[in-house]
Amino acid sequence: MVGEVRSVLTRAKAPSGEHEKPGNWLLLFGLGAFALVLGLYVIYTVIHPKSFTMDPVDLAVYRSGGLIVRHVRPLYNPRLAAPLYDWIGYGNLHLPFTYTPFAAIAFALISFVPWWLSQQLSVAVDIIALLAALWLTLGGLGYRRDKARLGATLLGTAAVFWTEPVLRTIYLGQVNLVLMALVIWDLCQPDTQPTTGRSRWWKGFGTGIAAGIKLVPLIFIPYLLLARKFRQAAMACAGFAFTVLLGFVILPKDSTKWWFDGLFVQGGRTGFTGWAGNQSLDGLITRLTGSVNGAKPAWIVATILVGAAGVTGAALLDRKGYPLPGLLMAALTGLLVSPISWDHHWVWIAPGALVAAHYAVQAWRRGAKRIAWTLGILAVAVVAWFGAWPARLFTSKLNLGNESLGLLWIPRNTNPLYYQWYGDRPWFTEYHWHGLALIAGNAYVLAGLALFGLLLALSLLLPHGGERHGTKEHDNEPGRGQGSLRGRLRLPAA
């Protein structure tokens, strides 16, 4: 069985010209599917009030942080010790700025854009980032730049667009898709440039920049170290250090408060960690124990075990010749061990579903029908489980207003304001879930644990010998610069 999986994960070469006609059909099919999905989204935004399609509170927080960096009043208050982190917060929920000082500096750029325009640009940037992330994912699997790769990218985007994490990211004006695309671009490109042979010595720096905006991408540093990609790990550390130093140069008081007063480890600043929207191990354990503080000892133990197993398994997959599954396992580990992993942070399921579909098609072409069906069902199951299903299909009482989409929002949940008003209370709704509510309310973290177990098993059972894509050795092979057989996509067998 393991040998059959290994044969599926190993790339076969195609005769010259075999991919051209299927590539044309795949491009046409991808264009049609993407146009249909995007058209349905446009229709959805036109026929529904804005409260159904966008409430960009996170974009507003980003913009407010940028205005504070620019000393624009009344948001900027010079009498505060740390104007960025002592700010009262945005809206009725008084949402604070919970990101790094460097993030506020980066968001200062978008604060120059008028508010009405920035909302439209946010939607466009998110869609482009999703396309880019999947295009780069296929590149990480070894596919060359051709019609078939573009068609597969469009088709994959159409398949995952109506998932709850993707739509929720667009709804809130979040940056998750952009950061995901940045990490995939940074770590999935070849070590050397195909045309010149020059080393991409800066590979890994972009991951450090991503971690400088949201800390969760720091999980890729131990993964890179264990995978023996020491230079990339060093560059990721350098990129992160650059963001910290720039923060101290431009925002010294806020940086001191963030790093030396421990704000960066206070997950509760973002809200109730037991709220349904928090799909991390911390959120799961908090809901099961019925107490924020009572969950901490068990969460620390779970984080150490899952974190150690996750980065080790990811590194094993990489060292055995499967870097893309290794990268995705590292990202999944970060989602599980982070104190806060909101539902919209789970956009990593998009490249995950695409990778599963890729290997399903490859297995089918190799005649491994059983593996093909298993991986195909897995890809469909991921999209369905994380799908943006209208809550009205399951209940007449919407739990999150008009944005109640997905299995996650079927059970009742606590009004986030209650945590601000009363602190942690035993009568919070999440502490009293039973039966199916426990499954639906923890849908993402439970699915994540299942996928984690699958990837961990593969990392241990698969033998060495997978073909590494984008490595220095491969780039130096004859014809690689011209893209002769590299990643030839055969509907879309690699």
Protein backbone atom coordinates (compact mmCIF):
# COMPACT_ATOMS: atom_id res chain seq x y z
CA MET A 1 0.00 0.00 0.00
CA VAL A 2 2.78 2.43 0.96
CA GLY A 3 4.72 1.48 -2.15
CA GLU A 4 1.65 2.24 -4.26
CA VAL A 5 1.34 5.67 -2.64
CA ARG A 6 5.03 6.30 -3.26
CA SER A 7 4.61 5.50 -6.96
CA VAL A 8 1.79 8.01 -7.14
CA LEU A 9 3.87 10.73 -5.51
CA THR A 10 6.72 10.19 -7.95
CA ARG A 11 6.50 12.12 -11.18
CA ALA A 12 6.35 10.43 -14.57
CA LYS A 13 7.66 12.00 -17.74
CA ALA A 14 5.54 12.56 -20.81
CA PRO A 15 6.50 12.23 -24.43
CA SER A 16 7.05 15.54 -26.19
CA GLY A 17 3.83 17.16 -27.37
CA GLU A 18 1.52 14.84 -25.44
CA HIS A 19 0.31 17.59 -23.13
CA GLU A 20 -0.57 20.23 -25.70
CA LYS A 21 -4.16 19.27 -26.60
CA PRO A 22 -5.23 18.34 -23.04
CA GLY A 23 -3.64 21.61 -21.90
CA ASN A 24 -5.84 23.61 -24.27
CA TRP A 25 -8.98 21.85 -23.09
CA LEU A 26 -7.99 22.26 -19.44
CA LEU A 27 -7.44 25.98 -19.98
CA LEU A 28 -10.85 26.41 -21.59
CA PHE A 29 -12.54 24.41 -18.85
CA GLY A 30 -10.68 26.35 -16.15
CA LEU A 31 -11.61 29.69 -17.70
CA GLY A 32 -15.26 28.67 -17.88
CA ALA A 33 -15.37 27.40 -14.30
CA PHE A 34 -13.59 30.46 -12.89
CA ALA A 35 -15.78 32.86 -14.88
CA LEU A 36 -18.90 31.07 -13.64
CA VAL A 37 -17.83 31.15 -9.98
CA LEU A 38 -16.69 34.77 -10.15
CA GLY A 39 -19.89 35.73 -11.95
CA LEU A 40 -21.99 34.06 -9.26
CA TYR A 41 -20.07 35.96 -6.60
CA VAL A 42 -20.68 39.26 -8.40
CA ILE A 43 -24.39 38.44 -8.67
CA TYR A 44 -24.42 37.52 -4.98
CA THR A 45 -22.91 40.90 -4.05
CA VAL A 46 -25.38 42.77 -6.27
CA ILE A 47 -28.60 41.14 -5.07
CA HIS A 48 -27.69 41.18 -1.36
CA PRO A 49 -27.09 44.10 0.99
CA LYS A 50 -23.48 44.81 1.85
CA SER A 51 -23.94 43.26 5.30
CA PHE A 52 -24.21 39.88 3.54
CA THR A 53 -21.07 40.25 1.47
CA MET A 54 -18.57 42.43 3.32
CA ASP A 55 -18.00 43.87 6.78
CA PRO A 56 -14.33 44.86 6.54
CA VAL A 57 -13.67 45.37 10.26
CA ASP A 58 -10.18 43.84 10.02
CA LEU A 59 -9.33 46.06 7.07
CA ALA A 60 -10.50 49.01 9.17
CA VAL A 61 -8.20 47.93 12.01
CA TYR A 62 -5.29 47.65 9.56
CA ARG A 63 -6.04 51.09 8.20
CA SER A 64 -6.40 52.58 11.67
CA GLY A 65 -3.01 51.16 12.65
CA GLY A 66 -1.51 52.75 9.56
CA LEU A 67 -3.09 56.11 10.40
CA ILE A 68 -1.67 55.92 13.93
CA VAL A 69 1.78 55.26 12.49
CA ARG A 70 1.32 58.37 10.33
CA HIS A 71 0.26 60.38 13.44
CA VAL A 72 -3.12 61.15 11.96
CA ARG A 73 -5.55 62.39 14.63
CA PRO A 74 -7.88 61.63 16.32
CA LEU A 75 -6.74 57.99 16.10
CA TYR A 76 -3.21 59.02 17.07
CA ASN A 77 -3.03 60.30 20.63
CA PRO A 78 0.44 61.60 21.55
CA ARG A 79 -0.44 61.52 25.27
CA LEU A 80 -0.61 57.72 25.25
CA ALA A 81 2.50 55.79 26.23
CA ALA A 82 2.08 53.46 23.26
CA PRO A 83 -0.39 55.08 20.83
CA LEU A 84 -0.74 51.92 18.72
CA TYR A 85 -1.49 49.46 21.53
CA ASP A 86 -3.19 51.84 23.98
CA TRP A 87 -5.66 52.83 21.26
CA ILE A 88 -9.26 52.25 22.35
CA GLY A 89 -9.98 50.06 19.32
CA TYR A 90 -12.30 50.03 16.34
CA GLY A 91 -16.11 49.91 16.34
CA ASN A 92 -18.55 48.72 18.98
CA LEU A 93 -16.33 45.75 19.79
CA HIS A 94 -13.37 48.10 20.33
CA LEU A 95 -11.20 45.78 18.28
CA PRO A 96 -7.58 46.54 19.21
CA PHE A 97 -4.57 46.45 16.93
CA THR A 98 -3.26 42.95 17.66
CA TYR A 99 -0.48 42.76 15.07
CA THR A 100 3.19 43.60 15.19
CA PRO A 101 4.57 47.16 14.94
CA PHE A 102 5.97 46.23 11.53
CA ALA A 103 2.49 45.26 10.39
CA ALA A 104 1.24 48.74 11.30
CA ILE A 105 4.11 50.24 9.32
CA ALA A 106 3.18 48.12 6.30
CA PHE A 107 -0.50 49.01 6.70
CA ALA A 108 0.42 52.69 6.66
CA LEU A 109 0.67 52.32 2.88
CA ILE A 110 -2.99 51.31 2.52
CA SER A 111 -4.07 54.16 4.80
CA PHE A 112 -3.31 56.60 1.95
CA VAL A 113 -6.07 54.97 -0.12
CA PRO A 114 -9.61 56.34 0.39
CA TRP A 115 -11.75 54.06 2.55
CA TRP A 116 -14.34 53.31 -0.14
CA LEU A 117 -11.65 52.40 -2.66
CA SER A 118 -9.59 50.32 -0.25
CA GLN A 119 -12.57 48.00 0.30
CA GLN A 120 -12.88 47.29 -3.42
CA LEU A 121 -9.14 46.85 -3.78
CA SER A 122 -9.14 44.43 -0.85
CA VAL A 123 -11.55 42.10 -2.66
CA ALA A 124 -9.54 42.26 -5.88
CA VAL A 125 -6.22 41.67 -4.09
CA ASP A 126 -7.63 38.67 -2.22
CA ILE A 127 -8.85 37.04 -5.44
CA ILE A 128 -5.50 37.67 -7.14
CA ALA A 129 -3.66 36.31 -4.10
CA LEU A 130 -5.76 33.12 -4.20
CA LEU A 131 -4.96 32.65 -7.88
CA ALA A 132 -1.27 33.34 -7.23
CA ALA A 133 -1.13 30.89 -4.31
CA LEU A 134 -2.54 28.04 -6.39
CA TRP A 135 -0.38 28.92 -9.41
CA LEU A 136 2.69 28.84 -7.15
CA THR A 137 1.53 25.60 -5.55
CA LEU A 138 1.54 23.93 -8.96
CA GLY A 139 4.99 25.39 -9.50
CA GLY A 140 6.07 23.79 -6.25
CA LEU A 141 4.85 20.46 -7.65
CA GLY A 142 7.17 20.97 -10.62
CA TYR A 143 4.82 22.21 -13.34
CA ARG A 144 6.17 24.55 -15.96
CA ARG A 145 4.46 27.76 -17.04
CA ASP A 146 2.04 26.67 -19.71
CA LYS A 147 -1.65 26.59 -20.60
CA ALA A 148 -2.33 23.47 -18.62
CA ARG A 149 -0.91 24.97 -15.43
CA LEU A 150 -2.99 28.11 -15.93
CA GLY A 151 -6.09 26.02 -16.58
CA ALA A 152 -5.48 23.94 -13.45
CA THR A 153 -4.97 27.13 -11.43
CA LEU A 154 -8.27 28.60 -12.62
CA LEU A 155 -10.11 25.33 -12.07
CA GLY A 156 -8.66 24.94 -8.58
CA THR A 157 -9.55 28.51 -7.69
CA ALA A 158 -13.11 27.94 -8.85
CA ALA A 159 -13.34 24.83 -6.67
CA VAL A 160 -12.11 26.48 -3.45
CA PHE A 161 -13.50 29.99 -3.90
CA TRP A 162 -16.80 29.24 -2.13
CA THR A 163 -15.13 27.81 0.95
CA GLU A 164 -15.81 29.57 4.23
CA PRO A 165 -12.20 30.54 5.07
CA VAL A 166 -11.74 32.17 1.65
CA LEU A 167 -15.05 34.05 1.66
CA ARG A 168 -14.60 35.03 5.32
CA THR A 169 -11.16 36.47 4.51
CA ILE A 170 -12.73 38.54 1.73
CA TYR A 171 -15.66 39.48 3.97
CA LEU A 172 -13.44 40.86 6.74
CA GLY A 173 -10.77 42.40 4.50
CA GLN A 174 -8.11 40.09 5.97
CA VAL A 175 -4.56 39.52 4.68
CA ASN A 176 -4.43 35.73 5.08
CA LEU A 177 -4.48 34.97 1.36
CA VAL A 178 -1.72 37.49 0.68
CA LEU A 179 0.55 36.06 3.39
CA MET A 180 -0.12 32.50 2.21
CA ALA A 181 0.82 33.44 -1.36
CA LEU A 182 3.98 35.15 -0.07
CA VAL A 183 5.13 32.05 1.85
CA ILE A 184 4.39 29.66 -1.04
CA TRP A 185 6.17 31.97 -3.50
CA ASP A 186 9.16 32.22 -1.19
CA LEU A 187 9.63 28.54 -0.36
CA CYS A 188 8.43 26.81 -3.55
CA GLN A 189 10.60 28.52 -6.12
CA PRO A 190 13.77 26.77 -7.36
CA ASP A 191 17.00 27.33 -5.44
CA THR A 192 18.58 28.63 -8.64
CA GLN A 193 17.26 30.76 -11.47
CA PRO A 194 16.61 28.50 -14.51
CA THR A 195 17.86 31.03 -17.09
CA THR A 196 21.04 32.26 -15.37
CA GLY A 197 21.84 29.51 -12.86
CA ARG A 198 22.35 32.12 -10.16
CA SER A 199 21.48 31.15 -6.63
CA ARG A 200 18.35 32.58 -5.02
CA TRP A 201 20.35 33.20 -1.85
CA TRP A 202 17.54 35.30 -0.39
CA LYS A 203 15.06 32.39 -0.45
CA GLY A 204 13.33 32.31 2.95
CA PHE A 205 13.45 36.06 3.52
CA GLY A 206 9.85 36.46 2.40
CA THR A 207 8.70 33.93 4.98
CA GLY A 208 10.38 36.03 7.66
CA ILE A 209 8.55 39.10 6.38
CA ALA A 210 5.24 37.20 6.58
CA ALA A 211 6.07 36.24 10.17
CA GLY A 212 6.80 39.88 10.89
CA ILE A 213 3.17 40.70 10.08
CA LYS A 214 1.53 37.65 11.72
CA LEU A 215 3.69 35.49 13.97
CA VAL A 216 2.28 32.09 12.96
CA PRO A 217 4.64 31.71 9.91
CA LEU A 218 7.49 31.41 12.43
CA ILE A 219 6.57 27.70 12.44
CA PHE A 220 8.37 27.39 9.11
CA ILE A 221 11.76 28.17 10.69
CA PRO A 222 12.10 24.95 12.75
CA TYR A 223 10.63 23.06 9.79
CA LEU A 224 13.35 24.42 7.53
CA LEU A 225 16.05 23.64 10.10
CA LEU A 226 14.93 20.02 10.51
CA ALA A 227 14.65 19.72 6.71
CA ARG A 228 18.33 20.77 6.60
CA LYS A 229 17.55 23.89 4.62
CA PHE A 230 19.82 25.93 6.84
CA ARG A 231 20.32 28.89 4.51
CA GLN A 232 16.57 29.29 4.01
CA ALA A 233 16.01 29.10 7.76
CA ALA A 234 18.72 31.72 8.29
CA MET A 235 17.15 34.01 5.71
CA ALA A 236 13.73 33.57 7.33
CA CYS A 237 15.28 34.59 10.66
CA ALA A 238 16.93 37.55 8.94
CA GLY A 239 13.65 38.64 7.39
CA PHE A 240 11.88 38.43 10.73
CA ALA A 241 14.72 40.27 12.50
CA PHE A 242 14.50 43.00 9.88
CA THR A 243 10.82 43.55 10.67
CA VAL A 244 11.52 43.73 14.41
CA LEU A 245 14.39 46.20 14.00
CA LEU A 246 12.40 48.40 11.61
CA GLY A 247 9.60 48.46 14.17
CA PHE A 248 11.97 49.72 16.87
CA VAL A 249 13.37 52.37 14.55
CA ILE A 250 9.99 53.81 13.53
CA LEU A 251 7.81 52.89 16.54
CA PRO A 252 10.16 52.50 19.53
CA LYS A 253 7.54 52.90 22.29
CA ASP A 254 5.01 50.60 20.67
CA SER A 255 7.72 48.05 19.86
CA THR A 256 8.88 48.07 23.49
CA LYS A 257 5.34 47.46 24.69
CA TRP A 258 4.71 44.71 22.12
CA TRP A 259 7.93 42.73 22.58
CA PHE A 260 9.10 43.50 26.13
CA ASP A 261 5.71 43.77 27.86
CA GLY A 262 4.61 40.44 26.37
CA LEU A 263 1.69 41.60 24.24
CA PHE A 264 2.72 39.17 21.52
CA VAL A 265 1.87 36.16 23.74
CA GLN A 266 -1.45 37.47 25.04
CA GLY A 267 -3.89 35.64 22.78
CA GLY A 268 -6.81 36.90 24.85
CA ARG A 269 -6.28 40.42 23.49
CA THR A 270 -7.96 39.29 20.30
CA GLY A 271 -11.07 38.11 22.15
CA PHE A 272 -12.58 35.04 23.79
CA THR A 273 -10.27 32.11 22.99
CA GLY A 274 -13.14 29.67 23.50
CA TRP A 275 -15.32 31.38 20.91
CA ALA A 276 -16.51 29.20 18.05
CA GLY A 277 -14.45 31.17 15.56
CA ASN A 278 -11.18 30.09 17.19
CA GLN A 279 -10.36 26.78 15.50
CA SER A 280 -7.07 25.99 17.23
CA LEU A 281 -6.14 23.40 19.83
CA ASP A 282 -6.40 26.16 22.43
CA GLY A 283 -9.95 26.93 21.31
CA LEU A 284 -10.93 23.24 21.30
CA ILE A 285 -9.47 22.53 24.76
CA THR A 286 -10.97 25.72 26.20
CA ARG A 287 -14.43 24.71 25.02
CA LEU A 288 -14.03 21.19 26.41
CA THR A 289 -12.70 22.27 29.81
CA GLY A 290 -15.12 25.17 30.25
CA SER A 291 -12.49 27.68 31.30
CA VAL A 292 -9.92 29.88 29.56
CA ASN A 293 -7.34 29.60 32.36
CA GLY A 294 -8.18 25.99 33.15
CA ALA A 295 -7.36 24.97 29.58
CA LYS A 296 -3.83 26.37 29.59
CA PRO A 297 -1.92 23.42 31.15
CA ALA A 298 -3.47 20.89 28.77
CA TRP A 299 -2.98 23.26 25.83
CA ILE A 300 0.72 23.72 26.61
CA VAL A 301 1.26 19.95 26.66
CA ALA A 302 -0.75 19.48 23.45
CA THR A 303 1.12 22.31 21.74
CA ILE A 304 4.52 20.83 22.58
CA LEU A 305 3.54 17.36 21.38
CA VAL A 306 1.73 18.44 18.22
CA GLY A 307 4.30 21.12 17.41
CA ALA A 308 7.25 18.76 17.76
CA ALA A 309 5.54 15.97 15.81
CA GLY A 310 4.30 18.39 13.15
CA VAL A 311 7.58 20.08 12.25
CA THR A 312 9.39 16.73 12.42
CA GLY A 313 6.86 15.09 10.11
CA ALA A 314 6.97 18.06 7.73
CA ALA A 315 10.76 17.89 7.61
CA LEU A 316 10.67 14.12 7.01
CA LEU A 317 8.34 14.59 4.06
CA ASP A 318 10.65 17.23 2.64
CA ARG A 319 13.80 15.15 3.14
CA LYS A 320 12.14 12.12 1.57
CA GLY A 321 11.45 14.13 -1.55
CA TYR A 322 7.95 15.54 -0.99
CA PRO A 323 8.54 19.26 -0.21
CA LEU A 324 5.02 20.50 -1.01
CA PRO A 325 3.24 18.10 1.38
CA GLY A 326 5.94 18.98 3.92
CA LEU A 327 5.25 22.69 3.54
CA LEU A 328 1.51 22.13 3.95
CA MET A 329 2.06 20.00 7.06
CA ALA A 330 4.16 22.79 8.60
CA ALA A 331 1.37 25.29 7.85
CA LEU A 332 -1.22 22.93 9.35
CA THR A 333 0.92 22.55 12.47
CA GLY A 334 1.01 26.33 12.84
CA LEU A 335 -2.78 26.51 12.63
CA LEU A 336 -3.19 23.84 15.32
CA VAL A 337 -0.66 25.12 17.86
CA SER A 338 -1.34 28.85 17.54
CA PRO A 339 -3.37 30.20 20.49
CA ILE A 340 -5.69 31.86 17.99
CA SER A 341 -6.55 30.39 14.61
CA TRP A 342 -9.69 32.13 13.47
CA ASP A 343 -11.79 30.44 10.83
CA HIS A 344 -10.39 32.71 8.12
CA HIS A 345 -6.83 31.62 8.96
CA TRP A 346 -7.66 28.20 7.49
CA VAL A 347 -7.22 29.40 3.89
CA TRP A 348 -4.38 26.86 3.67
CA ILE A 349 -7.03 24.27 2.83
CA ALA A 350 -7.10 25.79 -0.68
CA PRO A 351 -3.63 24.61 -1.78
CA GLY A 352 -4.17 21.47 0.30
CA ALA A 353 -7.22 20.47 -1.72
CA LEU A 354 -5.38 21.24 -4.96
CA VAL A 355 -2.43 19.04 -3.98
CA ALA A 356 -4.75 16.16 -3.08
CA ALA A 357 -6.53 16.54 -6.45
CA HIS A 358 -3.20 16.59 -8.27
CA TYR A 359 -2.07 13.32 -6.73
CA ALA A 360 -5.52 11.81 -7.36
CA VAL A 361 -5.23 12.53 -11.09
CA GLN A 362 -1.65 11.29 -11.14
CA ALA A 363 -2.71 8.05 -9.42
CA TRP A 364 -5.51 7.54 -11.94
CA ARG A 365 -3.14 7.90 -14.87
CA ARG A 366 -0.77 5.39 -13.30
CA GLY A 367 -3.57 2.88 -12.87
CA ALA A 368 -3.69 3.12 -9.05
CA LYS A 369 -7.47 3.45 -9.04
CA ARG A 370 -7.93 2.80 -5.32
CA ILE A 371 -5.45 5.52 -4.35
CA ALA A 372 -6.97 7.84 -6.95
CA TRP A 373 -10.46 7.44 -5.52
CA THR A 374 -9.18 7.92 -1.98
CA LEU A 375 -7.30 11.12 -2.79
CA GLY A 376 -10.11 12.43 -4.98
CA ILE A 377 -12.64 11.89 -2.21
CA LEU A 378 -10.24 13.59 0.20
CA ALA A 379 -9.99 16.68 -2.05
CA VAL A 380 -13.78 16.88 -2.43
CA ALA A 381 -14.30 16.26 1.28
CA VAL A 382 -11.98 19.13 2.22
CA VAL A 383 -13.84 21.55 -0.05
CA ALA A 384 -17.22 20.33 1.22
CA TRP A 385 -16.29 20.30 4.91
CA PHE A 386 -14.91 23.84 4.72
CA GLY A 387 -17.61 24.98 2.29
CA ALA A 388 -19.53 28.20 2.79
CA TRP A 389 -22.87 26.43 3.29
CA PRO A 390 -25.68 28.86 4.24
CA ALA A 391 -26.60 28.30 7.88
CA ARG A 392 -30.24 28.60 6.87
CA LEU A 393 -29.93 25.07 5.49
CA PHE A 394 -29.53 23.82 9.04
CA THR A 395 -31.20 26.36 11.33
CA SER A 396 -33.58 29.31 11.19
CA LYS A 397 -31.62 31.16 13.88
CA LEU A 398 -28.50 32.70 12.40
CA ASN A 399 -25.62 32.74 14.85
CA LEU A 400 -23.33 35.22 13.16
CA GLY A 401 -25.77 37.54 11.45
CA ASN A 402 -25.89 37.51 7.68
CA GLU A 403 -22.40 36.01 7.45
CA SER A 404 -23.48 32.69 8.99
CA LEU A 405 -21.87 30.48 6.35
CA GLY A 406 -20.32 27.07 6.91
CA LEU A 407 -20.71 24.17 9.34
CA LEU A 408 -18.88 26.16 11.98
CA TRP A 409 -21.79 28.49 12.60
CA ILE A 410 -24.55 25.92 13.04
CA PRO A 411 -24.30 25.73 16.88
CA ARG A 412 -25.12 28.73 19.03
CA ASN A 413 -22.12 30.78 20.11
CA THR A 414 -21.30 33.53 22.56
CA ASN A 415 -21.64 37.19 21.65
CA PRO A 416 -18.03 38.45 21.58
CA LEU A 417 -19.08 41.51 23.58
CA TYR A 418 -19.90 39.34 26.58
CA TYR A 419 -16.25 38.43 27.10
CA GLN A 420 -15.35 42.11 27.16
CA TRP A 421 -18.14 42.94 29.60
CA TYR A 422 -18.03 39.99 31.99
CA GLY A 423 -14.75 38.17 31.40
CA ASP A 424 -14.74 34.37 31.25
CA ARG A 425 -18.02 32.91 32.51
CA PRO A 426 -19.17 29.28 32.89
CA TRP A 427 -22.49 30.06 31.23
CA PHE A 428 -20.91 30.86 27.84
CA THR A 429 -22.65 28.87 25.12
CA GLU A 430 -19.57 27.04 23.81
CA TYR A 431 -19.07 25.41 27.22
CA HIS A 432 -22.41 23.62 26.88
CA TRP A 433 -22.24 22.15 23.40
CA HIS A 434 -23.25 18.49 23.10
CA GLY A 435 -23.50 15.87 20.37
CA LEU A 436 -23.40 17.20 16.83
CA ALA A 437 -22.82 20.73 18.09
CA LEU A 438 -19.40 19.63 19.36
CA ILE A 439 -18.53 18.28 15.92
CA ALA A 440 -19.84 21.21 13.89
CA GLY A 441 -18.52 23.83 16.31
CA ASN A 442 -15.04 22.31 16.18
CA ALA A 443 -15.26 21.37 12.50
CA TYR A 444 -12.00 22.92 11.33
CA VAL A 445 -9.73 21.84 14.16
CA LEU A 446 -11.12 18.28 14.04
CA ALA A 447 -10.55 18.09 10.28
CA GLY A 448 -7.10 19.57 10.82
CA LEU A 449 -6.25 16.87 13.36
CA ALA A 450 -7.42 14.17 10.94
CA LEU A 451 -5.28 15.59 8.13
CA PHE A 452 -2.40 15.98 10.59
CA GLY A 453 -2.60 12.29 11.46
CA LEU A 454 -2.67 11.31 7.77
CA LEU A 455 0.37 13.44 6.91
CA LEU A 456 2.26 12.25 9.97
CA ALA A 457 1.63 8.62 9.00
CA LEU A 458 2.83 9.28 5.45
CA SER A 459 5.96 11.02 6.74
CA LEU A 460 6.83 7.92 8.75
CA LEU A 461 5.80 5.21 6.29
CA LEU A 462 6.84 6.59 2.92
CA PRO A 463 10.35 5.55 1.85
CA HIS A 464 12.92 7.94 0.45
CA GLY A 465 12.88 8.47 -3.26
CA GLY A 466 10.25 11.07 -4.09
CA GLU A 467 11.31 13.50 -6.78
CA ARG A 468 12.23 16.90 -5.41
CA HIS A 469 10.85 19.79 -7.41
CA GLY A 470 12.68 23.06 -7.74
CA THR A 471 15.95 21.90 -6.18
CA LYS A 472 19.34 23.05 -7.25
CA GLU A 473 20.29 19.66 -8.60
CA HIS A 474 17.24 19.51 -10.86
CA ASP A 475 17.63 23.02 -12.09
CA ASN A 476 21.10 22.21 -13.33
CA GLU A 477 19.93 19.24 -15.40
CA PRO A 478 20.17 19.70 -19.17
CA GLY A 479 17.12 21.39 -20.60
CA ARG A 480 15.68 22.54 -17.27
CA GLY A 481 16.16 26.17 -18.15
CA GLN A 482 14.04 25.68 -21.25
CA GLY A 483 11.34 23.79 -19.32
CA SER A 484 11.75 20.68 -21.45
CA LEU A 485 10.04 18.07 -19.27
CA ARG A 486 9.90 19.92 -15.96
CA GLY A 487 6.46 19.57 -14.47
CA ARG A 488 4.82 18.70 -17.77
CA LEU A 489 1.15 18.78 -16.90
CA ARG A 490 -0.83 15.96 -18.46
CA LEU A 491 -4.33 16.69 -17.28
CA PRO A 492 -2.55 17.30 -14.85
CA ALA A 493 -0.17 14.38 -14.22
CA ALA A 494 3.20 15.69 -13.18
